[in-house]
Amino acid sequence: MDQQTDTYSVNVTREDGWWMIHVPALDALTQAHSWPEVEPMARGVIAASLDVDMADVAVVINPVLDDETEHLLSEARTKAEAADRLQDEATAAKRQAARRLHSKWWSYGLIGKAMHLTHQRVEQLIKGTR
């Protein structure tokens, strides 16, 4: 009969040069000296707590960041999303300009020169391929 593998969420923080490993479901704690040791140490403490084989334990590692770092990463994500939206808007405006010039019988090459783009990029914009 096959043993079922259980998956546990593991929170990891950095403290005094150690990776502190907390398994909330078991309120179990351990530590690791290096990041590559985190998963095996987590699986080991879970297996020992449950008296099961380590092969029957899977983990999801969740690095826990301090509040300031979380804030900075959230700000970075927000700005990246805004930048993506602006890039999409810029591409749409370029597409409109290229199509307008093309409708007035401008060649891809001339449109490219006017817009500082390659004729290949102009073709992509006009055809809406990217």
N, C-alpha and C. Protein backbone atom coordinates (compact mmCIF):
# COMPACT_ATOMS: atom_id res chain seq x y z
N MET A 1 0.85 -1.18 0.00
CA MET A 1 0.00 0.00 0.00
C MET A 1 0.89 1.23 0.00
N ASP A 2 0.58 2.21 -0.88
CA ASP A 2 1.36 3.44 -0.96
C ASP A 2 1.02 4.38 0.18
N GLN A 3 2.05 4.99 0.75
CA GLN A 3 1.87 6.00 1.79
C GLN A 3 1.54 7.32 1.12
N GLN A 4 0.58 8.05 1.66
CA GLN A 4 0.21 9.36 1.11
C GLN A 4 1.23 10.39 1.57
N THR A 5 1.64 11.27 0.64
CA THR A 5 2.56 12.35 0.97
C THR A 5 1.76 13.57 1.38
N ASP A 6 2.03 14.07 2.60
CA ASP A 6 1.37 15.28 3.08
C ASP A 6 2.27 16.47 2.80
N THR A 7 1.66 17.61 2.47
CA THR A 7 2.41 18.83 2.19
C THR A 7 2.18 19.82 3.31
N TYR A 8 3.28 20.39 3.80
CA TYR A 8 3.23 21.35 4.90
C TYR A 8 3.80 22.68 4.45
N SER A 9 3.15 23.74 4.90
CA SER A 9 3.63 25.09 4.66
C SER A 9 4.69 25.41 5.72
N VAL A 10 5.81 25.98 5.24
CA VAL A 10 6.94 26.26 6.13
C VAL A 10 7.33 27.73 5.97
N ASN A 11 7.37 28.46 7.07
CA ASN A 11 7.78 29.87 7.05
C ASN A 11 9.25 29.97 7.46
N VAL A 12 10.01 30.72 6.67
CA VAL A 12 11.45 30.82 6.91
C VAL A 12 11.85 32.29 7.06
N THR A 13 12.57 32.58 8.13
CA THR A 13 13.09 33.93 8.37
C THR A 13 14.59 33.85 8.60
N ARG A 14 15.24 34.99 8.49
CA ARG A 14 16.69 35.07 8.73
C ARG A 14 16.89 35.71 10.09
N GLU A 15 17.71 35.06 10.95
CA GLU A 15 17.93 35.57 12.29
C GLU A 15 19.32 35.16 12.79
N ASP A 16 20.12 36.15 13.11
CA ASP A 16 21.46 35.91 13.67
C ASP A 16 22.28 34.93 12.84
N GLY A 17 22.21 35.05 11.53
CA GLY A 17 23.02 34.21 10.65
C GLY A 17 22.43 32.83 10.38
N TRP A 18 21.25 32.57 10.89
CA TRP A 18 20.60 31.28 10.68
C TRP A 18 19.29 31.47 9.94
N TRP A 19 18.88 30.44 9.21
CA TRP A 19 17.55 30.40 8.64
C TRP A 19 16.66 29.71 9.66
N MET A 20 15.69 30.46 10.20
CA MET A 20 14.78 29.92 11.21
C MET A 20 13.56 29.35 10.48
N ILE A 21 13.25 28.11 10.77
CA ILE A 21 12.22 27.37 10.05
C ILE A 21 11.08 27.07 11.00
N HIS A 22 9.87 27.55 10.64
CA HIS A 22 8.70 27.33 11.48
C HIS A 22 7.63 26.60 10.67
N VAL A 23 7.12 25.53 11.22
CA VAL A 23 6.02 24.77 10.60
C VAL A 23 4.77 25.07 11.41
N PRO A 24 3.95 26.05 10.97
CA PRO A 24 2.80 26.47 11.77
C PRO A 24 1.82 25.34 12.10
N ALA A 25 1.58 24.43 11.17
CA ALA A 25 0.60 23.36 11.40
C ALA A 25 0.99 22.48 12.58
N LEU A 26 2.27 22.39 12.87
CA LEU A 26 2.75 21.55 13.97
C LEU A 26 3.37 22.38 15.09
N ASP A 27 3.44 23.68 14.89
CA ASP A 27 4.15 24.59 15.79
C ASP A 27 5.56 24.04 16.07
N ALA A 28 6.19 23.56 15.00
CA ALA A 28 7.53 22.99 15.11
C ALA A 28 8.55 24.00 14.61
N LEU A 29 9.71 24.02 15.25
CA LEU A 29 10.79 24.94 14.88
C LEU A 29 12.09 24.18 14.68
N THR A 30 12.88 24.65 13.74
CA THR A 30 14.25 24.18 13.57
C THR A 30 15.01 25.29 12.87
N GLN A 31 16.26 25.05 12.57
CA GLN A 31 17.06 26.06 11.90
C GLN A 31 18.01 25.40 10.92
N ALA A 32 18.50 26.22 9.99
CA ALA A 32 19.46 25.75 8.99
C ALA A 32 20.54 26.80 8.85
N HIS A 33 21.75 26.34 8.59
CA HIS A 33 22.88 27.26 8.42
C HIS A 33 22.87 27.90 7.04
N SER A 34 22.46 27.13 6.02
CA SER A 34 22.45 27.65 4.65
C SER A 34 21.10 27.38 4.01
N TRP A 35 20.80 28.15 2.96
CA TRP A 35 19.50 27.99 2.29
C TRP A 35 19.28 26.58 1.75
N PRO A 36 20.29 25.94 1.13
CA PRO A 36 20.05 24.57 0.64
C PRO A 36 19.66 23.57 1.74
N GLU A 37 19.97 23.89 2.98
CA GLU A 37 19.61 23.01 4.10
C GLU A 37 18.17 23.21 4.57
N VAL A 38 17.51 24.29 4.14
CA VAL A 38 16.18 24.62 4.66
C VAL A 38 15.17 23.50 4.40
N GLU A 39 15.04 23.08 3.16
CA GLU A 39 14.03 22.07 2.85
C GLU A 39 14.28 20.75 3.60
N PRO A 40 15.50 20.19 3.55
CA PRO A 40 15.69 18.93 4.27
C PRO A 40 15.49 19.07 5.79
N MET A 41 15.89 20.21 6.35
CA MET A 41 15.70 20.41 7.79
C MET A 41 14.20 20.51 8.10
N ALA A 42 13.46 21.20 7.26
CA ALA A 42 12.01 21.32 7.46
C ALA A 42 11.35 19.95 7.37
N ARG A 43 11.70 19.20 6.34
CA ARG A 43 11.12 17.87 6.18
C ARG A 43 11.51 16.97 7.35
N GLY A 44 12.74 17.15 7.83
CA GLY A 44 13.20 16.34 8.95
C GLY A 44 12.44 16.62 10.23
N VAL A 45 12.22 17.90 10.54
CA VAL A 45 11.49 18.23 11.78
C VAL A 45 10.04 17.78 11.69
N ILE A 46 9.46 17.86 10.49
CA ILE A 46 8.08 17.40 10.32
C ILE A 46 8.01 15.88 10.49
N ALA A 47 8.93 15.18 9.83
CA ALA A 47 8.95 13.71 9.92
C ALA A 47 9.16 13.26 11.37
N ALA A 48 10.06 13.93 12.08
CA ALA A 48 10.31 13.57 13.47
C ALA A 48 9.08 13.85 14.34
N SER A 49 8.43 14.97 14.11
CA SER A 49 7.24 15.34 14.90
C SER A 49 6.10 14.35 14.68
N LEU A 50 5.99 13.84 13.46
CA LEU A 50 4.88 12.94 13.13
C LEU A 50 5.27 11.46 13.18
N ASP A 51 6.56 11.20 13.40
CA ASP A 51 7.09 9.84 13.39
C ASP A 51 6.75 9.13 12.08
N VAL A 52 7.10 9.83 10.96
CA VAL A 52 6.93 9.26 9.63
C VAL A 52 8.25 9.38 8.88
N ASP A 53 8.33 8.72 7.75
CA ASP A 53 9.52 8.80 6.92
C ASP A 53 9.57 10.15 6.21
N MET A 54 10.77 10.72 6.05
CA MET A 54 10.92 12.00 5.36
C MET A 54 10.38 11.95 3.93
N ALA A 55 10.42 10.78 3.31
CA ALA A 55 9.92 10.63 1.94
C ALA A 55 8.42 10.87 1.87
N ASP A 56 7.75 10.78 3.01
CA ASP A 56 6.30 10.96 3.05
C ASP A 56 5.91 12.40 3.39
N VAL A 57 6.89 13.31 3.37
CA VAL A 57 6.64 14.70 3.73
C VAL A 57 7.07 15.60 2.58
N ALA A 58 6.18 16.50 2.18
CA ALA A 58 6.52 17.53 1.20
C ALA A 58 6.31 18.88 1.85
N VAL A 59 7.09 19.86 1.40
CA VAL A 59 6.98 21.19 1.99
C VAL A 59 6.85 22.26 0.91
N VAL A 60 6.20 23.35 1.30
CA VAL A 60 6.16 24.57 0.51
C VAL A 60 6.88 25.61 1.35
N ILE A 61 8.00 26.09 0.84
CA ILE A 61 8.82 27.04 1.58
C ILE A 61 8.32 28.46 1.32
N ASN A 62 8.06 29.20 2.39
CA ASN A 62 7.59 30.58 2.30
C ASN A 62 8.58 31.50 3.00
N PRO A 63 9.45 32.18 2.24
CA PRO A 63 10.34 33.15 2.88
C PRO A 63 9.50 34.29 3.46
N VAL A 64 9.74 34.63 4.71
CA VAL A 64 9.01 35.71 5.37
C VAL A 64 9.92 36.93 5.39
N LEU A 65 9.40 38.03 4.84
CA LEU A 65 10.18 39.26 4.72
C LEU A 65 9.75 40.26 5.79
N ASP A 66 10.65 41.17 6.13
CA ASP A 66 10.30 42.21 7.08
C ASP A 66 9.33 43.19 6.43
N ASP A 67 8.65 43.98 7.26
CA ASP A 67 7.61 44.90 6.76
C ASP A 67 8.14 45.88 5.74
N GLU A 68 9.32 46.45 5.96
CA GLU A 68 9.87 47.44 5.03
C GLU A 68 10.14 46.80 3.67
N THR A 69 10.71 45.60 3.66
CA THR A 69 10.99 44.91 2.40
C THR A 69 9.68 44.57 1.69
N GLU A 70 8.69 44.09 2.44
CA GLU A 70 7.38 43.80 1.84
C GLU A 70 6.79 45.06 1.20
N HIS A 71 6.92 46.20 1.90
CA HIS A 71 6.42 47.47 1.37
C HIS A 71 7.14 47.84 0.08
N LEU A 72 8.47 47.71 0.07
CA LEU A 72 9.25 48.04 -1.12
C LEU A 72 8.88 47.14 -2.29
N LEU A 73 8.70 45.85 -2.04
CA LEU A 73 8.32 44.92 -3.11
C LEU A 73 6.91 45.21 -3.62
N SER A 74 6.01 45.57 -2.72
CA SER A 74 4.66 45.93 -3.14
C SER A 74 4.69 47.18 -4.01
N GLU A 75 5.48 48.16 -3.60
CA GLU A 75 5.64 49.38 -4.39
C GLU A 75 6.24 49.07 -5.76
N ALA A 76 7.22 48.19 -5.79
CA ALA A 76 7.85 47.81 -7.06
C ALA A 76 6.84 47.12 -7.97
N ARG A 77 6.01 46.22 -7.41
CA ARG A 77 4.98 45.54 -8.23
C ARG A 77 3.98 46.54 -8.78
N THR A 78 3.56 47.49 -7.95
CA THR A 78 2.60 48.50 -8.38
C THR A 78 3.18 49.33 -9.52
N LYS A 79 4.43 49.74 -9.37
CA LYS A 79 5.08 50.55 -10.41
C LYS A 79 5.30 49.74 -11.68
N ALA A 80 5.65 48.48 -11.55
CA ALA A 80 5.84 47.63 -12.73
C ALA A 80 4.52 47.45 -13.49
N GLU A 81 3.42 47.28 -12.75
CA GLU A 81 2.11 47.17 -13.39
C GLU A 81 1.76 48.46 -14.12
N ALA A 82 2.05 49.61 -13.49
CA ALA A 82 1.80 50.90 -14.13
C ALA A 82 2.66 51.05 -15.38
N ALA A 83 3.91 50.64 -15.28
CA ALA A 83 4.81 50.72 -16.44
C ALA A 83 4.31 49.84 -17.58
N ASP A 84 3.80 48.66 -17.25
CA ASP A 84 3.24 47.77 -18.27
C ASP A 84 2.05 48.42 -18.96
N ARG A 85 1.17 49.05 -18.15
CA ARG A 85 0.01 49.73 -18.74
C ARG A 85 0.47 50.87 -19.66
N LEU A 86 1.45 51.66 -19.21
CA LEU A 86 1.96 52.77 -20.03
C LEU A 86 2.60 52.24 -21.31
N GLN A 87 3.32 51.13 -21.22
CA GLN A 87 3.94 50.54 -22.40
C GLN A 87 2.87 50.10 -23.40
N ASP A 88 1.79 49.51 -22.89
CA ASP A 88 0.69 49.11 -23.76
C ASP A 88 0.06 50.32 -24.44
N GLU A 89 -0.11 51.40 -23.67
CA GLU A 89 -0.68 52.63 -24.24
C GLU A 89 0.25 53.23 -25.29
N ALA A 90 1.56 53.20 -25.02
CA ALA A 90 2.52 53.72 -25.99
C ALA A 90 2.50 52.90 -27.27
N THR A 91 2.42 51.60 -27.15
CA THR A 91 2.35 50.74 -28.33
C THR A 91 1.07 51.02 -29.12
N ALA A 92 -0.04 51.22 -28.43
CA ALA A 92 -1.29 51.52 -29.13
C ALA A 92 -1.19 52.84 -29.88
N ALA A 93 -0.54 53.84 -29.26
CA ALA A 93 -0.38 55.14 -29.93
C ALA A 93 0.54 55.01 -31.14
N LYS A 94 1.61 54.24 -31.01
CA LYS A 94 2.50 54.01 -32.14
C LYS A 94 1.76 53.31 -33.27
N ARG A 95 0.93 52.32 -32.89
CA ARG A 95 0.17 51.58 -33.89
C ARG A 95 -0.76 52.52 -34.65
N GLN A 96 -1.45 53.41 -33.92
CA GLN A 96 -2.35 54.37 -34.57
C GLN A 96 -1.58 55.29 -35.52
N ALA A 97 -0.43 55.79 -35.06
CA ALA A 97 0.37 56.70 -35.89
C ALA A 97 0.86 55.98 -37.15
N ALA A 98 1.35 54.76 -36.97
CA ALA A 98 1.87 54.00 -38.11
C ALA A 98 0.75 53.70 -39.11
N ARG A 99 -0.41 53.31 -38.61
CA ARG A 99 -1.54 53.01 -39.50
C ARG A 99 -2.02 54.28 -40.22
N ARG A 100 -2.00 55.39 -39.52
CA ARG A 100 -2.41 56.65 -40.14
C ARG A 100 -1.47 57.01 -41.29
N LEU A 101 -0.16 56.91 -41.04
CA LEU A 101 0.81 57.22 -42.10
C LEU A 101 0.69 56.22 -43.25
N HIS A 102 0.49 54.96 -42.92
CA HIS A 102 0.37 53.93 -43.96
C HIS A 102 -0.87 54.18 -44.83
N SER A 103 -1.95 54.66 -44.20
CA SER A 103 -3.17 54.94 -44.96
C SER A 103 -2.97 56.12 -45.93
N LYS A 104 -1.91 56.90 -45.67
CA LYS A 104 -1.58 58.03 -46.55
C LYS A 104 -0.46 57.64 -47.52
N TRP A 105 -0.28 56.34 -47.72
CA TRP A 105 0.65 55.77 -48.69
C TRP A 105 2.12 55.93 -48.32
N TRP A 106 2.41 56.05 -47.06
CA TRP A 106 3.80 56.04 -46.62
C TRP A 106 4.27 54.58 -46.62
N SER A 107 5.51 54.35 -47.01
CA SER A 107 6.07 52.99 -46.98
C SER A 107 6.48 52.65 -45.55
N TYR A 108 6.65 51.35 -45.30
CA TYR A 108 7.12 50.92 -43.98
C TYR A 108 8.46 51.56 -43.65
N GLY A 109 9.33 51.63 -44.64
CA GLY A 109 10.66 52.22 -44.43
C GLY A 109 10.58 53.69 -44.03
N LEU A 110 9.74 54.47 -44.71
CA LEU A 110 9.60 55.89 -44.37
C LEU A 110 8.93 56.09 -43.02
N ILE A 111 7.95 55.27 -42.74
CA ILE A 111 7.30 55.34 -41.42
C ILE A 111 8.32 55.02 -40.34
N GLY A 112 9.14 54.01 -40.59
CA GLY A 112 10.18 53.64 -39.64
C GLY A 112 11.15 54.78 -39.39
N LYS A 113 11.57 55.46 -40.44
CA LYS A 113 12.47 56.60 -40.27
C LYS A 113 11.81 57.70 -39.44
N ALA A 114 10.56 58.01 -39.73
CA ALA A 114 9.85 59.06 -39.01
C ALA A 114 9.63 58.69 -37.54
N MET A 115 9.44 57.41 -37.27
CA MET A 115 9.12 56.97 -35.91
C MET A 115 10.33 56.38 -35.19
N HIS A 116 11.48 56.36 -35.85
CA HIS A 116 12.70 55.78 -35.27
C HIS A 116 12.51 54.30 -34.93
N LEU A 117 11.91 53.59 -35.87
CA LEU A 117 11.67 52.15 -35.73
C LEU A 117 12.18 51.46 -36.99
N THR A 118 12.38 50.16 -36.90
CA THR A 118 12.73 49.39 -38.10
C THR A 118 11.47 49.20 -38.93
N HIS A 119 11.68 48.95 -40.22
CA HIS A 119 10.51 48.72 -41.06
C HIS A 119 9.78 47.44 -40.63
N GLN A 120 10.54 46.47 -40.05
CA GLN A 120 9.91 45.24 -39.57
C GLN A 120 8.96 45.55 -38.39
N ARG A 121 9.41 46.44 -37.51
CA ARG A 121 8.56 46.80 -36.36
C ARG A 121 7.33 47.56 -36.84
N VAL A 122 7.51 48.42 -37.83
CA VAL A 122 6.38 49.15 -38.40
C VAL A 122 5.35 48.16 -38.97
N GLU A 123 5.84 47.18 -39.68
CA GLU A 123 4.93 46.17 -40.25
C GLU A 123 4.17 45.46 -39.13
N GLN A 124 4.86 45.09 -38.05
CA GLN A 124 4.20 44.44 -36.92
C GLN A 124 3.10 45.34 -36.33
N LEU A 125 3.43 46.62 -36.18
CA LEU A 125 2.44 47.54 -35.62
C LEU A 125 1.22 47.65 -36.52
N ILE A 126 1.45 47.81 -37.80
CA ILE A 126 0.33 47.99 -38.74
C ILE A 126 -0.53 46.74 -38.82
N LYS A 127 0.11 45.59 -38.83
CA LYS A 127 -0.65 44.33 -38.93
C LYS A 127 -1.20 43.89 -37.58
N GLY A 128 -0.77 44.55 -36.50
CA GLY A 128 -1.26 44.20 -35.16
C GLY A 128 -0.75 42.88 -34.65
N THR A 129 0.45 42.47 -35.12
CA THR A 129 0.97 41.17 -34.67
C THR A 129 1.64 41.25 -33.31
N ARG A 130 2.05 42.45 -32.88
CA ARG A 130 2.61 42.61 -31.54
C ARG A 130 2.45 44.02 -31.08
